[in-house]
Protein backbone atom coordinates (compact mmCIF):
# COMPACT_ATOMS: atom_id res chain seq x y z
CA UNK A 1 111.43 -32.36 -17.63
CA UNK A 2 110.94 -35.73 -19.10
CA UNK A 3 110.61 -38.19 -16.09
CA UNK A 4 109.97 -41.35 -17.83
CA UNK A 5 113.42 -42.45 -17.30
CA UNK A 6 112.99 -43.19 -14.11
CA UNK A 7 109.69 -45.28 -15.02
CA UNK A 8 109.99 -49.05 -13.78
CA UNK A 9 107.30 -51.83 -13.74
CA UNK A 10 105.13 -52.12 -11.04
CA UNK A 11 105.88 -55.58 -10.63
CA UNK A 12 109.81 -54.55 -9.60
CA UNK A 13 108.64 -52.29 -6.93
CA UNK A 14 108.65 -54.67 -4.21
CA UNK A 15 112.66 -55.70 -5.10
CA UNK A 16 113.41 -52.07 -5.55
CA UNK A 17 112.05 -50.73 -2.11
CA UNK A 18 113.61 -53.86 -0.52
CA UNK A 19 116.91 -52.93 -2.31
CA UNK A 20 116.51 -49.48 -1.14
CA UNK A 21 115.85 -50.84 2.48
CA UNK A 22 119.11 -52.29 2.49
CA UNK A 23 120.62 -49.85 1.30
CA UNK A 24 119.27 -47.55 4.41
CA UNK A 25 120.61 -50.07 6.53
CA UNK A 26 124.19 -50.21 5.18
CA UNK A 27 124.33 -46.27 5.08
CA UNK A 28 123.23 -46.44 8.93
CA UNK A 29 125.86 -48.93 9.51
CA UNK A 30 128.86 -47.97 7.48
CA UNK A 31 128.79 -44.15 7.17
CA UNK A 32 128.77 -41.24 9.47
CA UNK A 33 125.82 -39.80 7.61
CA UNK A 34 122.72 -38.15 9.86
CA UNK A 35 119.95 -40.63 9.94
CA UNK A 36 117.34 -37.63 9.00
CA UNK A 37 119.53 -37.27 5.38
CA UNK A 38 119.79 -41.17 4.73
CA UNK A 39 116.03 -41.49 5.62
CA UNK A 40 114.80 -38.48 3.48
CA UNK A 41 117.30 -39.29 0.59
CA UNK A 42 115.52 -43.09 0.65
CA UNK A 43 111.91 -41.15 0.42
CA UNK A 44 112.95 -39.14 -2.31
CA UNK A 45 114.66 -41.88 -4.37
CA UNK A 46 111.04 -43.46 -3.91
CA UNK A 47 109.39 -40.99 -5.10
CA UNK A 48 111.81 -40.34 -8.26
CA UNK A 49 110.95 -44.09 -9.20
CA UNK A 50 107.39 -43.37 -8.85
CA UNK A 51 107.10 -46.07 -6.23
CA UNK A 52 105.30 -43.69 -3.88
CA UNK A 53 103.52 -40.47 -4.82
CA UNK A 54 104.62 -37.39 -3.40
CA UNK A 55 101.64 -36.95 -1.16
CA UNK A 56 102.60 -40.56 0.23
CA UNK A 57 106.06 -39.37 0.98
CA UNK A 58 104.79 -36.41 2.64
CA UNK A 59 102.20 -38.06 4.66
CA UNK A 60 104.37 -38.69 7.69
CA UNK A 61 104.85 -34.97 8.23
CA UNK A 62 100.85 -34.62 9.14
CA UNK A 63 101.13 -37.74 11.47
CA UNK A 64 99.54 -36.99 14.70
CA UNK A 65 102.43 -38.98 16.75
CA UNK A 66 104.81 -37.24 14.80
CA UNK A 67 103.29 -33.55 15.51
CA UNK A 68 102.62 -34.77 19.19
CA UNK A 69 106.68 -34.82 19.41
CA UNK A 70 107.14 -31.57 18.26
CA UNK A 71 104.09 -30.07 20.39
CA UNK A 72 105.94 -31.97 23.24
CA UNK A 73 109.46 -29.98 22.59
CA UNK A 74 107.75 -27.19 23.39
CA UNK A 75 106.33 -28.27 26.84
CA UNK A 76 109.77 -29.84 27.60
CA UNK A 77 111.25 -26.25 27.06
CA UNK A 78 108.74 -24.69 29.54
CA UNK A 79 109.85 -27.41 31.82
CA UNK A 80 113.52 -26.99 31.58
CA UNK A 81 113.49 -23.00 31.06
CA UNK A 82 111.77 -22.64 34.59
CA UNK A 83 114.21 -25.05 36.33
CA UNK A 84 111.07 -27.68 36.54
CA UNK A 85 113.97 -30.19 34.99
CA UNK A 86 116.31 -29.96 37.92
CA UNK A 87 113.62 -30.56 40.41
CA UNK A 88 112.41 -33.61 38.71
CA UNK A 89 115.86 -34.84 38.34
CA UNK A 90 116.53 -34.15 41.63
CA UNK A 91 113.00 -35.54 43.53
CA UNK A 92 112.72 -38.56 41.07
CA UNK A 93 116.40 -39.18 39.57
CA UNK A 94 118.71 -38.88 42.60
CA UNK A 95 122.24 -38.65 42.45
CA UNK A 96 123.68 -42.29 41.86
CA UNK A 97 127.28 -42.88 42.25
CA UNK A 98 127.54 -45.28 38.79
CA UNK A 99 126.00 -45.92 35.73
CA UNK A 100 124.53 -48.74 36.74
CA UNK A 101 122.85 -46.93 39.25
CA UNK A 102 121.54 -44.37 37.29
CA UNK A 103 120.22 -46.90 35.02
CA UNK A 104 118.07 -48.43 37.92
CA UNK A 105 117.17 -45.02 38.94
CA UNK A 106 115.70 -44.23 35.25
CA UNK A 107 114.48 -47.51 34.52
CA UNK A 108 111.57 -48.03 36.66
CA UNK A 109 109.96 -44.62 36.63
CA UNK A 110 110.10 -44.61 33.00
CA UNK A 111 108.83 -48.12 32.60
CA UNK A 112 105.98 -47.05 34.91
CA UNK A 113 105.14 -44.01 33.18
CA UNK A 114 105.13 -45.48 29.64
CA UNK A 115 102.23 -48.09 30.50
CA UNK A 116 99.94 -44.93 31.02
CA UNK A 117 101.34 -42.60 28.31
CA UNK A 118 102.31 -43.26 24.80
CA UNK A 119 105.99 -44.21 25.04
CA UNK A 120 106.86 -41.89 21.68
CA UNK A 121 105.81 -38.32 23.49
CA UNK A 122 107.29 -39.93 26.80
CA UNK A 123 110.74 -39.88 25.34
CA UNK A 124 110.14 -36.89 23.81
CA UNK A 125 109.90 -35.16 27.31
CA UNK A 126 112.72 -37.33 29.03
CA UNK A 127 115.43 -36.76 26.35
CA UNK A 128 116.25 -33.13 27.82
CA UNK A 129 115.69 -34.17 31.35
CA UNK A 130 118.04 -37.17 31.20
CA UNK A 131 120.76 -34.80 29.09
CA UNK A 132 121.07 -32.86 31.96
CA UNK A 133 121.17 -35.29 34.50
CA UNK A 134 124.09 -36.96 32.69
CA UNK A 135 125.96 -33.90 32.81
CA UNK A 136 125.50 -33.39 36.42
CA UNK A 137 126.60 -37.12 37.17
CA UNK A 138 129.56 -36.75 34.71
CA UNK A 139 127.91 -39.86 32.70
CA UNK A 140 128.09 -40.28 29.05
CA UNK A 141 124.49 -39.83 27.72
CA UNK A 142 125.08 -42.88 25.60
CA UNK A 143 125.02 -44.87 28.53
CA UNK A 144 121.32 -43.90 29.24
CA UNK A 145 119.44 -42.96 25.88
CA UNK A 146 119.10 -46.39 24.33
CA UNK A 147 118.04 -47.95 27.52
CA UNK A 148 115.29 -45.20 28.07
CA UNK A 149 114.17 -46.03 24.69
CA UNK A 150 114.01 -49.74 25.51
CA UNK A 151 112.16 -48.97 28.63
CA UNK A 152 109.73 -46.92 27.36
CA UNK A 153 108.66 -49.54 24.91
CA UNK A 154 108.87 -52.14 27.48
CA UNK A 155 106.59 -50.45 29.82
CA UNK A 156 104.44 -49.38 26.51
CA UNK A 157 103.55 -53.20 26.16
CA UNK A 158 101.95 -53.61 29.99
CA UNK A 159 98.44 -51.96 29.19
CA UNK A 160 96.15 -50.92 26.04
CA UNK A 161 96.95 -47.26 25.61
CA UNK A 162 101.10 -47.38 26.44
CA UNK A 163 101.50 -47.60 22.66
CA UNK A 164 99.74 -46.55 19.65
CA UNK A 165 100.64 -50.18 18.47
CA UNK A 166 98.18 -51.63 20.87
CA UNK A 167 95.51 -49.69 20.10
CA UNK A 168 96.34 -50.56 16.18
CA UNK A 169 95.73 -54.13 17.01
CA UNK A 170 92.68 -53.62 19.19
CA UNK A 171 91.29 -51.70 16.74
CA UNK A 172 91.51 -54.25 13.98
CA UNK A 173 90.82 -57.16 16.24
CA UNK A 174 87.24 -55.75 17.18
CA UNK A 175 86.65 -55.19 13.60
CA UNK A 176 87.40 -58.71 12.52
CA UNK A 177 85.26 -60.31 15.37
CA UNK A 178 83.64 -57.95 17.41
CA UNK A 179 86.40 -58.82 20.59
CA UNK A 180 87.41 -55.59 22.49
CA UNK A 181 90.62 -55.99 24.74
CA UNK A 182 90.75 -54.76 28.08
CA UNK A 183 92.96 -52.32 29.42
CA UNK A 184 95.26 -54.66 31.27
CA UNK A 185 94.89 -57.93 29.14
CA UNK A 186 98.29 -57.59 27.78
CA UNK A 187 99.97 -57.09 31.18
CA UNK A 188 99.60 -60.96 31.98
CA UNK A 189 102.74 -61.00 29.53
CA UNK A 190 103.81 -57.45 29.09
CA UNK A 191 104.67 -56.84 32.91
CA UNK A 192 106.76 -60.11 33.15
CA UNK A 193 108.47 -59.15 29.51
CA UNK A 194 108.87 -55.70 31.10
CA UNK A 195 110.43 -57.14 34.19
CA UNK A 196 112.85 -59.45 32.62
CA UNK A 197 113.74 -56.52 29.89
CA UNK A 198 114.87 -54.21 32.35
CA UNK A 199 117.03 -56.70 34.53
CA UNK A 200 118.60 -57.74 31.18
CA UNK A 201 119.60 -54.10 30.50
CA UNK A 202 120.57 -53.32 33.80
CA UNK A 203 122.85 -56.56 33.79
CA UNK A 204 124.41 -55.64 29.94
CA UNK A 205 124.09 -52.33 29.32
CA UNK A 206 126.64 -50.53 31.53
CA UNK A 207 129.55 -52.83 29.69
CA UNK A 208 127.81 -53.29 26.42
CA UNK A 209 126.96 -49.66 25.44
CA UNK A 210 129.87 -47.26 24.60
CA UNK A 211 131.34 -44.60 26.61
CA UNK A 212 130.94 -41.65 23.94
CA UNK A 213 131.08 -38.08 24.40
CA UNK A 214 130.76 -34.81 22.12
CA UNK A 215 134.12 -34.58 19.96
CA UNK A 216 134.18 -31.06 21.31
CA UNK A 217 132.97 -30.32 24.51
CA UNK A 218 133.29 -27.25 26.57
CA UNK A 219 134.58 -29.24 29.74
CA UNK A 220 137.59 -29.52 27.97
CA UNK A 221 138.55 -25.66 27.52
CA UNK A 222 141.42 -24.76 29.50
CA UNK A 223 140.16 -21.70 30.37
CA UNK A 224 138.76 -21.35 34.01
CA UNK A 225 136.48 -18.89 35.32
CA UNK A 226 135.74 -17.23 38.90
CA UNK A 227 132.33 -16.53 39.69
CA UNK A 228 130.90 -15.87 42.99
CA UNK A 229 127.24 -17.24 43.84
CA UNK A 230 124.91 -16.11 46.88
CA UNK A 231 123.09 -18.22 49.00
CA UNK A 232 120.00 -15.73 49.21
CA UNK A 233 117.88 -15.78 52.40
CA UNK A 234 114.99 -17.75 51.03
CA UNK A 235 117.42 -20.21 49.29
CA UNK A 236 116.19 -24.00 49.84
CA UNK A 237 120.05 -24.48 50.07
CA UNK A 238 120.17 -22.93 53.28
CA UNK A 239 121.08 -24.97 56.29
CA UNK A 240 122.01 -27.85 53.75
CA UNK A 241 125.61 -29.26 53.85
CA UNK A 242 127.67 -28.94 50.55
CA UNK A 243 126.88 -32.65 49.96
CA UNK A 244 123.15 -32.29 50.57
CA UNK A 245 122.95 -29.28 48.35
CA UNK A 246 124.66 -31.04 45.43
CA UNK A 247 127.65 -28.41 45.20
CA UNK A 248 130.36 -31.68 45.57
CA UNK A 249 131.69 -33.17 42.66
CA UNK A 250 130.36 -31.03 39.92
CA UNK A 251 131.65 -31.38 36.36
CA UNK A 252 134.22 -28.87 35.44
CA UNK A 253 133.58 -26.69 38.35
CA UNK A 254 134.66 -26.63 42.23
CA UNK A 255 133.68 -24.62 45.02
CA UNK A 256 136.94 -22.65 46.03
CA UNK A 257 136.11 -21.01 48.90
CA UNK A 258 133.19 -19.33 50.82
CA UNK A 259 132.99 -15.87 52.20
CA UNK A 260 131.12 -15.73 55.19
CA UNK A 261 130.72 -12.30 56.54
CA UNK A 262 134.28 -11.42 55.55
CA UNK A 263 135.74 -14.45 56.94
CA UNK A 264 137.06 -17.06 54.07
CA UNK A 265 136.07 -20.50 54.56
CA UNK A 266 139.03 -22.54 52.18
CA UNK A 267 139.05 -25.95 51.83
CA UNK A 268 135.32 -26.43 51.99
CA UNK A 269 134.30 -29.65 53.70
CA UNK A 270 131.28 -31.24 52.34
CA UNK A 271 129.71 -31.54 55.68
CA UNK A 272 129.94 -27.68 55.89
CA UNK A 273 126.45 -26.12 56.22
CA UNK A 274 125.20 -23.20 53.79
CA UNK A 275 124.18 -20.12 55.54
CA UNK A 276 122.00 -17.60 54.22
CA UNK A 277 124.11 -14.71 53.07
CA UNK A 278 127.26 -16.95 52.09
CA UNK A 279 129.43 -15.97 49.07
CA UNK A 280 130.32 -18.99 47.05
CA UNK A 281 133.49 -18.92 45.04
CA UNK A 282 133.66 -21.15 42.42
CA UNK A 283 136.23 -21.51 39.65
CA UNK A 284 135.72 -23.78 36.34
CA UNK A 285 134.82 -23.88 32.64
CA UNK A 286 132.38 -21.92 30.89
CA UNK A 287 129.61 -24.79 30.45
CA UNK A 288 129.75 -25.52 34.10
CA UNK A 289 129.56 -21.81 34.86
CA UNK A 290 126.64 -21.75 32.89
CA UNK A 291 125.17 -24.68 35.05
CA UNK A 292 125.77 -23.01 38.05
CA UNK A 293 123.43 -19.78 36.80
CA UNK A 294 120.77 -22.51 36.49
CA UNK A 295 120.74 -23.98 39.70
CA UNK A 296 117.90 -23.26 42.01
CA UNK A 297 118.78 -21.56 45.27
CA UNK A 298 121.80 -19.72 44.12
CA UNK A 299 121.75 -16.05 42.39
CA UNK A 300 125.27 -13.92 41.02
CA UNK A 301 126.80 -12.32 43.91
CA UNK A 302 126.82 -9.30 41.48
CA UNK A 303 123.63 -7.32 42.91
CA UNK A 304 124.35 -5.04 39.60
CA UNK A 305 122.49 -8.30 37.89
CA UNK A 306 119.13 -7.31 39.10
CA UNK A 307 119.94 -3.48 38.26
CA UNK A 308 119.64 -4.01 34.85
CA UNK A 309 116.01 -2.54 33.21
CA UNK A 310 115.35 -5.72 31.30
CA UNK A 311 113.85 -8.92 32.75
CA UNK A 312 116.02 -11.56 33.43
CA UNK A 313 114.03 -14.13 31.18
CA UNK A 314 114.82 -11.92 28.20
CA UNK A 315 118.57 -11.67 28.78
CA UNK A 316 121.52 -14.25 27.70
CA UNK A 317 124.89 -14.94 28.68
CA UNK A 318 127.53 -13.85 26.33
CA UNK A 319 131.54 -14.48 26.32
CA UNK A 320 133.82 -11.19 25.30
CA UNK A 321 137.35 -11.11 25.18
CA UNK A 322 138.87 -7.70 26.45
CA UNK A 323 140.77 -6.03 23.30
CA UNK A 324 144.18 -4.07 24.21
CA UNK A 325 141.67 -0.59 23.19
CA UNK A 326 139.09 -1.49 25.93
CA UNK A 327 138.34 2.06 27.13
CA UNK A 328 137.93 0.50 31.07
CA UNK A 329 141.57 -1.01 31.35
CA UNK A 330 143.25 -0.29 34.54
CA UNK A 331 139.91 0.26 36.64
CA UNK A 332 138.43 -2.43 39.01
CA UNK A 333 135.10 -3.79 37.46
CA UNK A 334 133.39 -2.06 40.43
CA UNK A 335 134.84 1.42 39.65
CA UNK A 336 134.46 0.75 35.94
CA UNK A 337 130.59 1.22 35.65
CA UNK A 338 130.47 -1.72 33.09
CA UNK A 339 126.86 -1.86 33.46
CA UNK A 340 126.00 1.60 32.82
CA UNK A 341 128.57 1.78 29.95
CA UNK A 342 127.23 -1.80 28.30
CA UNK A 343 124.01 -2.49 29.86
CA UNK A 344 125.37 -5.57 30.98
CA UNK A 345 127.08 -7.03 33.54
CA UNK A 346 130.40 -9.10 34.39
CA UNK A 347 129.38 -12.47 35.99
CA UNK A 348 132.51 -14.30 35.71
CA UNK A 349 136.13 -13.58 34.62
CA UNK A 350 139.04 -16.12 33.07
CA UNK A 351 142.49 -15.06 32.59
CA UNK A 352 145.27 -17.23 31.17
CA UNK A 353 143.60 -20.13 32.66
CA UNK A 354 144.63 -19.24 36.36
CA UNK A 355 142.20 -18.67 39.31
CA UNK A 356 141.71 -14.71 40.09
CA UNK A 357 141.54 -14.61 43.66
CA UNK A 358 140.10 -11.18 44.30
CA UNK A 359 136.16 -10.79 44.49
CA UNK A 360 134.63 -9.85 40.88
CA UNK A 361 134.35 -6.23 41.66
CA UNK A 362 137.87 -5.92 42.73
CA UNK A 363 139.25 -7.17 39.25
CA UNK A 364 141.17 -5.00 37.33
CA UNK A 365 140.54 -5.96 33.69
CA UNK A 366 143.34 -6.41 31.30
CA UNK A 367 143.70 -7.10 28.02
CA UNK A 368 142.82 -10.97 26.87
CA UNK A 369 140.83 -11.08 29.61
CA UNK A 370 137.88 -13.47 28.78
CA UNK A 371 134.38 -12.08 30.14
CA UNK A 372 130.98 -13.74 30.85
CA UNK A 373 128.69 -11.28 30.62
CA UNK A 374 124.66 -11.01 31.46
CA UNK A 375 122.93 -9.07 29.07
CA UNK A 376 120.49 -8.39 25.90
CA UNK A 377 120.88 -10.64 22.96
CA UNK A 378 121.58 -7.10 21.13
CA UNK A 379 124.89 -6.84 22.78
CA UNK A 380 126.51 -9.36 20.33
CA UNK A 381 125.34 -7.19 17.39
CA UNK A 382 126.22 -3.85 18.83
CA UNK A 383 129.53 -4.92 19.91
CA UNK A 384 130.88 -7.38 17.43
CA UNK A 385 132.02 -4.52 14.83
CA UNK A 386 133.60 -2.59 17.63
CA UNK A 387 137.01 -2.56 19.34
CA UNK A 388 136.65 -2.78 22.82
CA UNK A 389 136.55 -6.21 22.78
CA UNK A 390 138.60 -8.91 20.39
CA UNK A 391 135.41 -11.52 20.16
CA UNK A 392 132.00 -11.49 21.39
CA UNK A 393 129.69 -14.58 21.16
CA UNK A 394 126.24 -15.41 22.75
CA UNK A 395 126.25 -19.03 24.75
CA UNK A 396 123.74 -21.18 23.35
CA UNK A 397 120.90 -22.17 25.60
CA UNK A 398 122.16 -20.49 28.62
CA UNK A 399 119.33 -17.68 29.61
CA UNK A 400 118.84 -17.42 33.21
CA UNK A 401 115.82 -20.23 34.33
CA UNK A 402 112.93 -18.54 35.53
CA UNK A 403 112.41 -20.24 39.01
CA UNK A 404 109.66 -18.55 40.23
CA UNK A 405 107.39 -20.13 37.29
CA UNK A 406 108.67 -23.67 37.72
CA UNK A 407 105.41 -24.54 40.04
CA UNK A 408 103.36 -23.41 36.90
CA UNK A 409 105.15 -25.24 34.50
CA UNK A 410 105.15 -28.55 36.48
CA UNK A 411 101.56 -28.19 37.05
CA UNK A 412 100.84 -27.68 33.61
CA UNK A 413 103.24 -30.68 32.97
CA UNK A 414 101.07 -32.79 35.48
CA UNK A 415 97.61 -31.91 34.27
CA UNK A 416 98.86 -32.67 30.82
CA UNK A 417 99.83 -36.47 32.12
CA UNK A 418 96.81 -36.64 34.14
CA UNK A 419 94.62 -35.77 31.04
CA UNK A 420 96.07 -38.34 28.62
CA UNK A 421 96.48 -41.15 31.23
CA UNK A 422 92.50 -41.01 32.08
CA UNK A 423 91.89 -40.84 28.21
CA UNK A 424 90.05 -37.48 28.86
CA UNK A 425 92.06 -36.32 26.15
CA UNK A 426 94.23 -37.57 23.54
CA UNK A 427 97.92 -37.48 24.05
CA UNK A 428 98.22 -34.47 20.90
CA UNK A 429 95.22 -32.51 22.32
CA UNK A 430 96.56 -32.49 25.72
CA UNK A 431 100.28 -31.44 24.82
CA UNK A 432 98.82 -28.91 22.58
CA UNK A 433 96.80 -27.36 25.49
CA UNK A 434 99.88 -27.65 27.64
CA UNK A 435 102.12 -25.99 25.06
CA UNK A 436 99.90 -22.92 24.42
CA UNK A 437 99.62 -22.75 28.58
CA UNK A 438 103.35 -22.66 28.49
CA UNK A 439 103.89 -19.83 26.13
CA UNK A 440 100.69 -18.03 27.72
CA UNK A 441 102.00 -18.34 31.40
CA UNK A 442 105.72 -17.29 29.86
CA UNK A 443 107.15 -20.24 30.97
CA UNK A 444 108.82 -20.14 28.04
CA UNK A 445 108.84 -17.79 25.12
CA UNK A 446 107.98 -18.04 21.30
CA UNK A 447 111.39 -17.97 20.06
CA UNK A 448 112.64 -20.31 22.72
CA UNK A 449 109.82 -22.81 21.77
CA UNK A 450 110.86 -22.75 18.06
CA UNK A 451 114.29 -23.53 19.05
CA UNK A 452 113.24 -26.36 21.26
CA UNK A 453 111.55 -28.33 18.28
CA UNK A 454 114.15 -30.77 17.64
CA UNK A 455 113.96 -30.84 13.40
CA UNK A 456 116.10 -33.47 12.38
CA UNK A 457 114.68 -36.50 14.64
CA UNK A 458 111.26 -35.22 13.18
CA UNK A 459 112.10 -35.38 9.55
CA UNK A 460 113.80 -38.97 10.21
CA UNK A 461 110.24 -40.14 12.07
CA UNK A 462 108.45 -38.65 9.09
CA UNK A 463 110.60 -40.33 6.46
CA UNK A 464 110.71 -43.63 7.85
CA UNK A 465 106.57 -43.55 7.59
CA UNK A 466 107.27 -42.93 3.67
CA UNK A 467 109.49 -46.22 3.75
CA UNK A 468 107.25 -48.29 5.64
CA UNK A 469 104.08 -47.27 3.45
CA UNK A 470 106.36 -48.25 0.18
CA UNK A 471 107.19 -51.81 1.90
CA UNK A 472 103.47 -52.02 2.54
CA UNK A 473 102.10 -50.77 -0.43
CA UNK A 474 104.56 -52.85 -2.91
CA UNK A 475 103.68 -56.20 -1.26
CA UNK A 476 107.20 -56.60 -0.22
CA UNK A 477 106.53 -56.90 3.39
CA UNK A 478 103.98 -59.37 2.92
CA UNK A 479 106.43 -61.09 0.64
CA UNK A 480 108.55 -61.67 3.76
CA UNK A 481 105.97 -62.63 6.04
CA UNK A 482 104.97 -65.22 3.49
CA UNK A 483 107.70 -66.72 2.97
CA UNK A 484 108.47 -66.99 6.95
CA UNK A 485 104.93 -68.33 7.45
CA UNK A 486 105.87 -71.65 5.37
CA UNK A 487 108.13 -72.47 7.87
CA UNK A 488 105.83 -72.35 10.99
CA UNK A 489 104.92 -76.01 10.57
CA UNK A 490 101.52 -77.07 12.25
CA UNK A 491 102.38 -76.91 15.77
CA UNK A 492 100.51 -74.07 17.67
CA UNK A 493 103.80 -73.43 19.71
CA UNK A 494 106.12 -73.27 16.66
CA UNK A 495 103.39 -71.21 14.59
CA UNK A 496 103.70 -69.00 17.70
CA UNK A 497 107.29 -68.43 17.62
CA UNK A 498 106.96 -68.11 13.85
CA UNK A 499 104.26 -65.53 13.89
CA UNK A 500 106.30 -63.58 16.35
CA UNK A 501 109.40 -63.56 14.45
CA UNK A 502 107.97 -62.60 11.37
CA UNK A 503 106.30 -59.47 13.29
CA UNK A 504 109.67 -58.79 14.52
CA UNK A 505 111.39 -58.70 11.41
CA UNK A 506 108.74 -56.63 9.80
CA UNK A 507 108.78 -54.00 12.82
CA UNK A 508 112.56 -53.83 12.38
CA UNK A 509 112.20 -53.19 8.60
CA UNK A 510 109.20 -50.94 8.64
CA UNK A 511 107.34 -49.70 11.58
CA UNK A 512 105.74 -50.85 14.44
CA UNK A 513 102.02 -49.90 13.67
CA UNK A 514 102.74 -51.18 9.91
CA UNK A 515 104.28 -54.31 11.24
CA UNK A 516 100.96 -54.87 13.43
CA UNK A 517 98.61 -54.04 10.86
CA UNK A 518 100.17 -56.50 8.19
CA UNK A 519 100.55 -59.46 10.55
CA UNK A 520 97.35 -59.47 12.65
CA UNK A 521 95.66 -61.02 9.61
CA UNK A 522 98.28 -63.77 9.58
CA UNK A 523 97.81 -64.37 13.12
CA UNK A 524 93.88 -64.90 12.96
CA UNK A 525 94.26 -66.88 10.05
CA UNK A 526 96.92 -69.29 11.37
CA UNK A 527 95.03 -69.37 14.84
CA UNK A 528 92.06 -70.48 12.42
CA UNK A 529 93.74 -73.07 10.38
CA UNK A 530 95.21 -74.95 13.40
CA UNK A 531 91.83 -74.43 14.93
CA UNK A 532 93.15 -72.79 18.53
CA UNK A 533 92.66 -69.97 20.11
CA UNK A 534 93.41 -66.73 18.63
CA UNK A 535 94.31 -64.62 21.64
CA UNK A 536 97.76 -66.00 22.24
CA UNK A 537 98.80 -65.05 18.47
CA UNK A 538 96.97 -61.57 19.13
CA UNK A 539 99.02 -60.90 22.54
CA UNK A 540 102.27 -62.03 20.44
CA UNK A 541 101.64 -59.89 17.82
CA UNK A 542 101.31 -56.93 20.06
CA UNK A 543 104.46 -57.50 21.82
CA UNK A 544 106.59 -58.30 18.92
CA UNK A 545 105.52 -55.30 16.61
CA UNK A 546 106.70 -52.89 19.50
CA UNK A 547 109.76 -54.85 20.83
CA UNK A 548 111.90 -54.15 17.88
CA UNK A 549 115.30 -53.46 19.53
CA UNK A 550 118.13 -54.07 17.02
CA UNK A 551 118.00 -51.30 14.74
CA UNK A 552 117.21 -47.50 14.83
CA UNK A 553 114.35 -48.02 12.29
CA UNK A 554 112.54 -50.65 14.91
CA UNK A 555 110.69 -47.94 16.71
CA UNK A 556 110.59 -44.30 16.58
CA UNK A 557 111.85 -43.65 19.84
CA UNK A 558 115.29 -45.01 18.60
CA UNK A 559 115.51 -42.05 16.14
CA UNK A 560 114.75 -39.77 19.27
CA UNK A 561 117.77 -40.96 21.19
CA UNK A 562 119.97 -41.66 18.20
CA UNK A 563 121.57 -38.50 18.21
CA UNK A 564 121.64 -37.21 21.83
CA UNK A 565 123.24 -40.58 22.62
CA UNK A 566 126.01 -40.26 19.90
CA UNK A 567 125.00 -43.76 18.53
CA UNK A 568 126.32 -45.59 15.79
CA UNK A 569 124.24 -48.20 13.95
CA UNK A 570 126.55 -51.09 15.53
CA UNK A 571 125.62 -49.81 19.28
CA UNK A 572 122.00 -51.20 18.63
CA UNK A 573 122.84 -54.43 17.01
CA UNK A 574 125.29 -55.04 19.81
CA UNK A 575 122.55 -54.79 22.55
CA UNK A 576 119.29 -54.84 20.64
CA UNK A 577 119.84 -58.41 19.33
CA UNK A 578 120.26 -60.30 22.51
CA UNK A 579 117.49 -58.18 24.07
CA UNK A 580 115.20 -58.99 21.07
CA UNK A 581 116.13 -62.70 21.69
CA UNK A 582 115.25 -62.72 25.18
CA UNK A 583 112.13 -61.08 24.99
CA UNK A 584 110.98 -63.21 22.29
CA UNK A 585 111.95 -66.29 24.40
CA UNK A 586 109.85 -64.84 27.50
CA UNK A 587 106.79 -64.27 25.49
CA UNK A 588 106.48 -67.45 23.56
CA UNK A 589 107.00 -69.22 26.80
CA UNK A 590 104.60 -67.42 28.92
CA UNK A 591 101.84 -66.48 26.80
CA UNK A 592 100.23 -69.71 26.17
CA UNK A 593 99.78 -70.38 30.14
CA UNK A 594 98.28 -66.80 30.47
CA UNK A 595 95.98 -67.73 27.28
CA UNK A 596 95.69 -71.29 26.68
CA UNK A 597 95.41 -72.37 23.04
């Protein structure tokens, strides 16, 4: 096919690219299209119009930072599937009572860690942790995910290794005049900026960010399951109160009673202490019942679970609705030999939204009962065309956790962080090693590792690199920078402010690394023409190139939380523009005091 109709003079490529960027912003702002679709379409359009080559459009897929995110998804799966995430959430994040309290508990460790771990992979690790945490606290993820991205960025500007942008600027500066930046040179400005930025987030985020939940949640499901869980002799929950064990105010489920040596304790008090051997009777919706299966210190009270031939790690949770031709109708679950017939066990039963007061084994199954089963994934294929059940479906991401491997997963995770923090390995190599060990030690399976990789987010990040490359290649970004530079005047402080604003605009339009690489030469030239010290301008470029808060394109971590937080373009603008201005004011005000002109 002749593509000559798409040939556009090279002189028009810059204007065309800016037009496409504006189109991307409009689509993100006014449509419900997914960011990865919008960004991939923009990259495809740039290729068709011959602004960039196919190789340039695909270069983002080979970017080390993007691949690191993919590998860290596998590491995160290992920590999650062993129950390690629950340990992290309990020990580090705790159980705050309000969304503002949750923000404070999240901001401090995130900001601190991101000073020593590249912020992009850090966010990749924390998104699933905080997703589970929000669900347990009954807090909307939209209140936490964007502040997570902001906190990682603010922390990343506190040290030389906190973000790749700082390393880009350091490398360029060394190449330009032989000046090697120290590990904590930027901290004189970065730490005050991070503190002020976090205080601003705590003050305004709870009321400026929306309270969004998924359009359809299983917590809205009218079915209520009855499930029994056992406190085994070696349980870490033994001798803890209901409150201390985290079994009070669980979203979508409540503790109805405790069966203790045949004596039923009803209306359970939060101060009631759990004892080894207690049988806990819960009532709740399926999503919450699944969460109970993943809780460390509780096991299904049905001992048939452990009589299945396959390891628990290979099993999954399945919902099945009993049909009127079910062969075991009229028999109790204990008498029916369900495990032998179906190689699965019944964990919970739901009937017309009512609580079933019998023990699971004493329930007589009826047509229409919904069963929560634990069994092999093959159960779904075997039963979907038979008449025993009306409906059979596997519950996604609901495999029982391997708590016995949690320490392996956390040890691997800790070693990965240490190797990267002390620069013994790059983050990419350290995460690659950790991912291999997660699979080798069976903390996660190959199939689970595949499912853990968030392809839409990775594609969005890769496509954003193509867009940034086009702006750089065509000179469009340089043209914008030149226009702003003429407004700087001759005063060093005014020039410093203008360099910050130009860099900020560039990083909101392009990518942080591209903005830094583009603006550092302008910063050095400006300092030379004013005959002043170049260090204030270098520091300002490093801060501004990373701290783009107002658009999803301002930093790759924004794209990573866009979907999990359920955000819209306007959410970034609402809180990001004021935060941009706060960071701008603090940076420009204090930088000349630590690095005099």
